[in-house]
């Protein structure tokens, strides 16, 4: 997403260079996992001091900066930051393999916070990417009925069952004997929703 020659650029002058965010994302996750597991930080532990918070200018007075981490005089190299990221990933995988996130709500929440946090940065860093924007265009659609709320799991499950669509959302799972030609009730009974605490029956998440 970020070309190597752009890592030290600052699209927003008052904020840190882009490279710092590659260190911030795994560090943020490691900080929450360290608290949740009451254990030691992933090495190098001093990343917690330099990558915990980015520069956050005061909205009313840009000359004032809110509390933030102090970056080193000489910035860390990309290879070191990526190696640290891999160590944090290994820590996350070890937790999932132990199934602790499914039984310990605090650890499960720490993992979810990190997931949402990283997803948010992927959107904000790439907001100007050409794949996010395109020129206006016109299209003719048949009459539709719109609702002021998201589609529910139950409604989408009914749609999949009605059209016999074999592809289910990535956040869903199904039993081995599930088929795409099942009627709605059977379809619901054989599918579940993935969560950080384990699968939840689709029948309990229809609303």
C-alpha atoms as a PDB file:
ATOM      1  CA  UNK A   1       0.000   0.000   0.000  1.00  0.00           C
ATOM      2  CA  UNK A   2       2.918   2.365   0.733  1.00  0.00           C
ATOM      3  CA  UNK A   3       5.817   2.517  -1.793  1.00  0.00           C
ATOM      4  CA  UNK A   4       9.255   2.198  -0.090  1.00  0.00           C
ATOM      5  CA  UNK A   5      10.315   5.660  -1.232  1.00  0.00           C
ATOM      6  CA  UNK A   6       7.234   7.194   0.415  1.00  0.00           C
ATOM      7  CA  UNK A   7       7.683   5.735   3.911  1.00  0.00           C
ATOM      8  CA  UNK A   8       9.132   8.942   5.350  1.00  0.00           C
ATOM      9  CA  UNK A   9       6.524  11.188   3.735  1.00  0.00           C
ATOM     10  CA  UNK A  10       4.035  13.090   5.887  1.00  0.00           C
ATOM     11  CA  UNK A  11       0.780  13.540   3.904  1.00  0.00           C
ATOM     12  CA  UNK A  12      -0.483  15.464   6.928  1.00  0.00           C
ATOM     13  CA  UNK A  13       2.479  17.687   7.921  1.00  0.00           C
ATOM     14  CA  UNK A  14       1.546  17.809  11.611  1.00  0.00           C
ATOM     15  CA  UNK A  15       1.533  14.025  11.923  1.00  0.00           C
ATOM     16  CA  UNK A  16       4.263  11.376  11.946  1.00  0.00           C
ATOM     17  CA  UNK A  17       5.767   9.918   8.748  1.00  0.00           C
ATOM     18  CA  UNK A  18       3.934   6.929   7.282  1.00  0.00           C
ATOM     19  CA  UNK A  19       6.625   4.514   8.488  1.00  0.00           C
ATOM     20  CA  UNK A  20       5.645   5.182  12.093  1.00  0.00           C
ATOM     21  CA  UNK A  21       2.174   3.758  11.483  1.00  0.00           C
ATOM     22  CA  UNK A  22       3.670   0.430  10.421  1.00  0.00           C
ATOM     23  CA  UNK A  23       5.203   0.317  13.889  1.00  0.00           C
ATOM     24  CA  UNK A  24       2.171   1.746  15.641  1.00  0.00           C
ATOM     25  CA  UNK A  25      -0.309  -0.915  14.483  1.00  0.00           C
ATOM     26  CA  UNK A  26       1.450  -4.015  15.904  1.00  0.00           C
ATOM     27  CA  UNK A  27       2.591  -2.057  18.964  1.00  0.00           C
ATOM     28  CA  UNK A  28      -0.982  -1.012  19.757  1.00  0.00           C
ATOM     29  CA  UNK A  29      -2.058  -4.658  19.564  1.00  0.00           C
ATOM     30  CA  UNK A  30       0.867  -5.819  21.699  1.00  0.00           C
ATOM     31  CA  UNK A  31       0.113  -3.225  24.378  1.00  0.00           C
ATOM     32  CA  UNK A  32      -3.451  -4.502  24.719  1.00  0.00           C
ATOM     33  CA  UNK A  33      -2.374  -8.150  24.681  1.00  0.00           C
ATOM     34  CA  UNK A  34       0.276  -7.464  27.312  1.00  0.00           C
ATOM     35  CA  UNK A  35      -2.358  -5.929  29.570  1.00  0.00           C
ATOM     36  CA  UNK A  36      -4.935  -8.635  28.885  1.00  0.00           C
ATOM     37  CA  UNK A  37      -2.534 -11.520  29.521  1.00  0.00           C
ATOM     38  CA  UNK A  38      -0.611  -9.806  32.340  1.00  0.00           C
ATOM     39  CA  UNK A  39       2.638 -10.785  30.640  1.00  0.00           C
ATOM     40  CA  UNK A  40       5.777  -9.191  29.209  1.00  0.00           C
ATOM     41  CA  UNK A  41       5.731  -7.122  25.997  1.00  0.00           C
ATOM     42  CA  UNK A  42       7.006  -8.510  22.723  1.00  0.00           C
ATOM     43  CA  UNK A  43      10.646  -7.523  22.251  1.00  0.00           C
ATOM     44  CA  UNK A  44      11.914  -4.938  21.665  1.00  0.00           C
ATOM     45  CA  UNK A  45       9.752  -3.738  24.555  1.00  0.00           C
ATOM     46  CA  UNK A  46      10.779  -0.098  24.061  1.00  0.00           C
ATOM     47  CA  UNK A  47       8.539   0.018  20.989  1.00  0.00           C
ATOM     48  CA  UNK A  48       5.726   0.607  23.477  1.00  0.00           C
ATOM     49  CA  UNK A  49       7.307   3.951  24.363  1.00  0.00           C
ATOM     50  CA  UNK A  50       7.867   5.204  20.818  1.00  0.00           C
ATOM     51  CA  UNK A  51       4.885   3.786  18.937  1.00  0.00           C
ATOM     52  CA  UNK A  52       2.003   3.846  21.436  1.00  0.00           C
ATOM     53  CA  UNK A  53       0.510   7.147  20.296  1.00  0.00           C
ATOM     54  CA  UNK A  54       0.978   9.250  17.194  1.00  0.00           C
ATOM     55  CA  UNK A  55       1.014  13.028  17.009  1.00  0.00           C
ATOM     56  CA  UNK A  56      -2.506  14.343  17.521  1.00  0.00           C
ATOM     57  CA  UNK A  57      -2.795  18.103  16.855  1.00  0.00           C
ATOM     58  CA  UNK A  58      -5.318  20.150  18.787  1.00  0.00           C
ATOM     59  CA  UNK A  59      -8.330  20.709  16.513  1.00  0.00           C
ATOM     60  CA  UNK A  60      -8.743  24.319  17.664  1.00  0.00           C
ATOM     61  CA  UNK A  61      -5.060  25.253  17.753  1.00  0.00           C
ATOM     62  CA  UNK A  62      -2.774  23.164  15.478  1.00  0.00           C
ATOM     63  CA  UNK A  63       0.283  24.660  17.183  1.00  0.00           C
ATOM     64  CA  UNK A  64      -0.645  22.662  20.290  1.00  0.00           C
ATOM     65  CA  UNK A  65      -0.071  18.918  20.370  1.00  0.00           C
ATOM     66  CA  UNK A  66      -1.849  16.478  22.630  1.00  0.00           C
ATOM     67  CA  UNK A  67       0.139  13.878  24.572  1.00  0.00           C
ATOM     68  CA  UNK A  68       2.018  11.565  22.214  1.00  0.00           C
ATOM     69  CA  UNK A  69       4.913   9.138  22.117  1.00  0.00           C
ATOM     70  CA  UNK A  70       8.390  10.582  21.618  1.00  0.00           C
ATOM     71  CA  UNK A  71       9.989   9.287  18.429  1.00  0.00           C
ATOM     72  CA  UNK A  72      13.750   8.575  18.327  1.00  0.00           C
ATOM     73  CA  UNK A  73      16.125  11.065  16.703  1.00  0.00           C
ATOM     74  CA  UNK A  74      17.107   8.430  14.139  1.00  0.00           C
ATOM     75  CA  UNK A  75      14.079   6.583  12.818  1.00  0.00           C
ATOM     76  CA  UNK A  76      13.965   2.787  12.915  1.00  0.00           C
ATOM     77  CA  UNK A  77      14.479   0.903   9.666  1.00  0.00           C
ATOM     78  CA  UNK A  78      11.602  -0.805   7.888  1.00  0.00           C
ATOM     79  CA  UNK A  79      13.113  -4.300   8.275  1.00  0.00           C
ATOM     80  CA  UNK A  80      13.239  -4.020  12.082  1.00  0.00           C
ATOM     81  CA  UNK A  81       9.640  -2.834  12.253  1.00  0.00           C
ATOM     82  CA  UNK A  82       8.418  -5.629   9.970  1.00  0.00           C
ATOM     83  CA  UNK A  83      10.296  -8.211  12.038  1.00  0.00           C
ATOM     84  CA  UNK A  84       8.614  -6.875  15.173  1.00  0.00           C
ATOM     85  CA  UNK A  85       5.252  -7.101  13.423  1.00  0.00           C
ATOM     86  CA  UNK A  86       5.901 -10.776  12.649  1.00  0.00           C
ATOM     87  CA  UNK A  87       6.718 -11.440  16.310  1.00  0.00           C
ATOM     88  CA  UNK A  88       3.425  -9.858  17.367  1.00  0.00           C
ATOM     89  CA  UNK A  89       1.595 -11.931  14.748  1.00  0.00           C
ATOM     90  CA  UNK A  90       3.219 -15.068  16.176  1.00  0.00           C
ATOM     91  CA  UNK A  91       1.992 -14.052  19.628  1.00  0.00           C
ATOM     92  CA  UNK A  92      -1.543 -13.671  18.290  1.00  0.00           C
ATOM     93  CA  UNK A  93      -1.434 -17.038  16.507  1.00  0.00           C
ATOM     94  CA  UNK A  94      -0.167 -18.752  19.661  1.00  0.00           C
ATOM     95  CA  UNK A  95      -3.129 -17.355  21.589  1.00  0.00           C
ATOM     96  CA  UNK A  96      -5.619 -18.611  19.011  1.00  0.00           C
ATOM     97  CA  UNK A  97      -3.971 -22.037  18.944  1.00  0.00           C
ATOM     98  CA  UNK A  98      -4.339 -22.236  22.729  1.00  0.00           C
ATOM     99  CA  UNK A  99      -8.055 -21.363  22.322  1.00  0.00           C
ATOM    100  CA  UNK A 100      -7.662 -18.857  25.184  1.00  0.00           C
ATOM    101  CA  UNK A 101      -9.449 -16.054  23.274  1.00  0.00           C
ATOM    102  CA  UNK A 102     -12.602 -18.194  23.246  1.00  0.00           C
ATOM    103  CA  UNK A 103     -12.666 -18.620  27.027  1.00  0.00           C
ATOM    104  CA  UNK A 104     -11.082 -15.396  28.289  1.00  0.00           C
ATOM    105  CA  UNK A 105     -13.274 -12.411  27.424  1.00  0.00           C
ATOM    106  CA  UNK A 106     -10.516  -9.892  28.204  1.00  0.00           C
ATOM    107  CA  UNK A 107      -8.081 -11.501  25.753  1.00  0.00           C
ATOM    108  CA  UNK A 108     -10.790 -11.880  23.123  1.00  0.00           C
ATOM    109  CA  UNK A 109     -11.633  -8.202  23.444  1.00  0.00           C
ATOM    110  CA  UNK A 110      -7.952  -7.199  23.168  1.00  0.00           C
ATOM    111  CA  UNK A 111      -7.683  -9.132  19.907  1.00  0.00           C
ATOM    112  CA  UNK A 112     -10.864  -7.557  18.562  1.00  0.00           C
ATOM    113  CA  UNK A 113      -9.687  -4.044  19.469  1.00  0.00           C
ATOM    114  CA  UNK A 114      -6.450  -4.667  17.564  1.00  0.00           C
ATOM    115  CA  UNK A 115      -8.344  -6.017  14.550  1.00  0.00           C
ATOM    116  CA  UNK A 116     -10.631  -2.979  14.356  1.00  0.00           C
ATOM    117  CA  UNK A 117      -7.730  -0.599  14.949  1.00  0.00           C
ATOM    118  CA  UNK A 118      -5.641  -2.001  12.097  1.00  0.00           C
ATOM    119  CA  UNK A 119      -8.616  -2.097   9.741  1.00  0.00           C
ATOM    120  CA  UNK A 120      -9.268   1.578  10.427  1.00  0.00           C
ATOM    121  CA  UNK A 121      -5.711   2.528   9.534  1.00  0.00           C
ATOM    122  CA  UNK A 122      -5.825   0.551   6.294  1.00  0.00           C
ATOM    123  CA  UNK A 123      -8.775   2.707   5.258  1.00  0.00           C
ATOM    124  CA  UNK A 124      -7.350   6.056   6.355  1.00  0.00           C
ATOM    125  CA  UNK A 125      -3.872   5.447   4.935  1.00  0.00           C
ATOM    126  CA  UNK A 126      -5.299   4.358   1.594  1.00  0.00           C
ATOM    127  CA  UNK A 127      -8.185   6.830   1.378  1.00  0.00           C
ATOM    128  CA  UNK A 128      -6.738   8.445  -1.753  1.00  0.00           C
ATOM    129  CA  UNK A 129      -6.029   5.138  -3.504  1.00  0.00           C
ATOM    130  CA  UNK A 130      -7.541   4.940  -6.985  1.00  0.00           C
ATOM    131  CA  UNK A 131      -9.429   1.792  -5.999  1.00  0.00           C
ATOM    132  CA  UNK A 132     -11.408   3.748  -3.410  1.00  0.00           C
ATOM    133  CA  UNK A 133     -12.628   6.379  -5.834  1.00  0.00           C
ATOM    134  CA  UNK A 134     -13.955   6.487  -9.397  1.00  0.00           C
ATOM    135  CA  UNK A 135     -15.687   8.924 -11.708  1.00  0.00           C
ATOM    136  CA  UNK A 136     -19.502   9.354 -11.470  1.00  0.00           C
ATOM    137  CA  UNK A 137     -21.516   6.993 -13.644  1.00  0.00           C
ATOM    138  CA  UNK A 138     -25.181   6.262 -14.360  1.00  0.00           C
ATOM    139  CA  UNK A 139     -27.007   2.964 -14.065  1.00  0.00           C
ATOM    140  CA  UNK A 140     -30.652   1.944 -14.386  1.00  0.00           C
ATOM    141  CA  UNK A 141     -32.056  -0.188 -11.570  1.00  0.00           C
ATOM    142  CA  UNK A 142     -35.544  -1.639 -11.044  1.00  0.00           C
ATOM    143  CA  UNK A 143     -37.810  -0.288  -8.260  1.00  0.00           C
ATOM    144  CA  UNK A 144     -36.481  -1.111  -4.804  1.00  0.00           C
ATOM    145  CA  UNK A 145     -37.652  -0.918  -1.222  1.00  0.00           C
ATOM    146  CA  UNK A 146     -35.115   0.687   1.098  1.00  0.00           C
ATOM    147  CA  UNK A 147     -34.928   0.401   4.869  1.00  0.00           C
ATOM    148  CA  UNK A 148     -33.190   2.697   7.304  1.00  0.00           C
ATOM    149  CA  UNK A 149     -31.100  -0.093   8.810  1.00  0.00           C
ATOM    150  CA  UNK A 150     -28.554  -2.716   7.731  1.00  0.00           C
ATOM    151  CA  UNK A 151     -29.693  -6.060   6.330  1.00  0.00           C
ATOM    152  CA  UNK A 152     -30.028  -8.599   9.145  1.00  0.00           C
ATOM    153  CA  UNK A 153     -28.319 -11.983   9.185  1.00  0.00           C
ATOM    154  CA  UNK A 154     -31.722 -13.638   8.943  1.00  0.00           C
ATOM    155  CA  UNK A 155     -32.712 -11.636   5.864  1.00  0.00           C
ATOM    156  CA  UNK A 156     -29.437 -12.367   4.128  1.00  0.00           C
ATOM    157  CA  UNK A 157     -29.674 -16.051   5.018  1.00  0.00           C
ATOM    158  CA  UNK A 158     -33.149 -16.150   3.444  1.00  0.00           C
ATOM    159  CA  UNK A 159     -31.781 -14.511   0.305  1.00  0.00           C
ATOM    160  CA  UNK A 160     -28.976 -17.075   0.043  1.00  0.00           C
ATOM    161  CA  UNK A 161     -31.435 -19.930   0.554  1.00  0.00           C
ATOM    162  CA  UNK A 162     -33.910 -18.515  -1.985  1.00  0.00           C
ATOM    163  CA  UNK A 163     -31.365 -18.033  -4.775  1.00  0.00           C
ATOM    164  CA  UNK A 164     -29.405 -21.207  -3.883  1.00  0.00           C
ATOM    165  CA  UNK A 165     -26.195 -19.210  -3.585  1.00  0.00           C
ATOM    166  CA  UNK A 166     -23.297 -21.476  -2.464  1.00  0.00           C
ATOM    167  CA  UNK A 167     -20.978 -18.615  -1.488  1.00  0.00           C
ATOM    168  CA  UNK A 168     -21.498 -17.506   2.128  1.00  0.00           C
ATOM    169  CA  UNK A 169     -19.931 -14.459   3.849  1.00  0.00           C
ATOM    170  CA  UNK A 170     -16.349 -14.922   5.069  1.00  0.00           C
ATOM    171  CA  UNK A 171     -17.552 -14.312   8.635  1.00  0.00           C
ATOM    172  CA  UNK A 172     -19.919 -17.290   8.471  1.00  0.00           C
ATOM    173  CA  UNK A 173     -19.134 -21.002   8.729  1.00  0.00           C
ATOM    174  CA  UNK A 174     -21.116 -24.101   7.828  1.00  0.00           C
ATOM    175  CA  UNK A 175     -21.282 -27.776   8.729  1.00  0.00           C
ATOM    176  CA  UNK A 176     -19.713 -30.298   6.383  1.00  0.00           C
ATOM    177  CA  UNK A 177     -23.081 -31.596   5.213  1.00  0.00           C
ATOM    178  CA  UNK A 178     -24.490 -28.138   4.417  1.00  0.00           C
ATOM    179  CA  UNK A 179     -25.728 -27.669   0.830  1.00  0.00           C
ATOM    180  CA  UNK A 180     -26.703 -24.640  -1.230  1.00  0.00           C
ATOM    181  CA  UNK A 181     -30.102 -26.107  -2.189  1.00  0.00           C
ATOM    182  CA  UNK A 182     -31.486 -26.295   1.367  1.00  0.00           C
ATOM    183  CA  UNK A 183     -34.666 -24.594   2.476  1.00  0.00           C
ATOM    184  CA  UNK A 184     -34.367 -21.667   4.880  1.00  0.00           C
ATOM    185  CA  UNK A 185     -34.861 -23.469   8.215  1.00  0.00           C
ATOM    186  CA  UNK A 186     -32.294 -26.146   7.403  1.00  0.00           C
ATOM    187  CA  UNK A 187     -29.900 -23.534   6.007  1.00  0.00           C
ATOM    188  CA  UNK A 188     -30.017 -21.577   9.276  1.00  0.00           C
ATOM    189  CA  UNK A 189     -29.536 -24.713  11.380  1.00  0.00           C
ATOM    190  CA  UNK A 190     -26.366 -25.662   9.520  1.00  0.00           C
ATOM    191  CA  UNK A 191     -24.604 -22.298   9.621  1.00  0.00           C
ATOM    192  CA  UNK A 192     -22.961 -20.175  12.313  1.00  0.00           C
ATOM    193  CA  UNK A 193     -21.270 -16.793  12.742  1.00  0.00           C
ATOM    194  CA  UNK A 194     -17.538 -16.576  13.483  1.00  0.00           C
ATOM    195  CA  UNK A 195     -16.539 -14.484  16.508  1.00  0.00           C
ATOM    196  CA  UNK A 196     -13.332 -14.057  18.492  1.00  0.00           C
ATOM    197  CA  UNK A 197     -14.953 -16.252  21.145  1.00  0.00           C
ATOM    198  CA  UNK A 198     -15.848 -19.040  18.732  1.00  0.00           C
ATOM    199  CA  UNK A 199     -18.770 -19.844  16.398  1.00  0.00           C
ATOM    200  CA  UNK A 200     -22.272 -18.679  17.370  1.00  0.00           C
ATOM    201  CA  UNK A 201     -25.272 -20.495  15.814  1.00  0.00           C
ATOM    202  CA  UNK A 202     -26.864 -18.450  13.041  1.00  0.00           C
ATOM    203  CA  UNK A 203     -30.247 -19.123  14.627  1.00  0.00           C
ATOM    204  CA  UNK A 204     -29.173 -16.946  17.585  1.00  0.00           C
ATOM    205  CA  UNK A 205     -28.060 -14.021  15.422  1.00  0.00           C
ATOM    206  CA  UNK A 206     -30.907 -13.625  12.933  1.00  0.00           C
ATOM    207  CA  UNK A 207     -31.812 -10.091  14.052  1.00  0.00           C
END
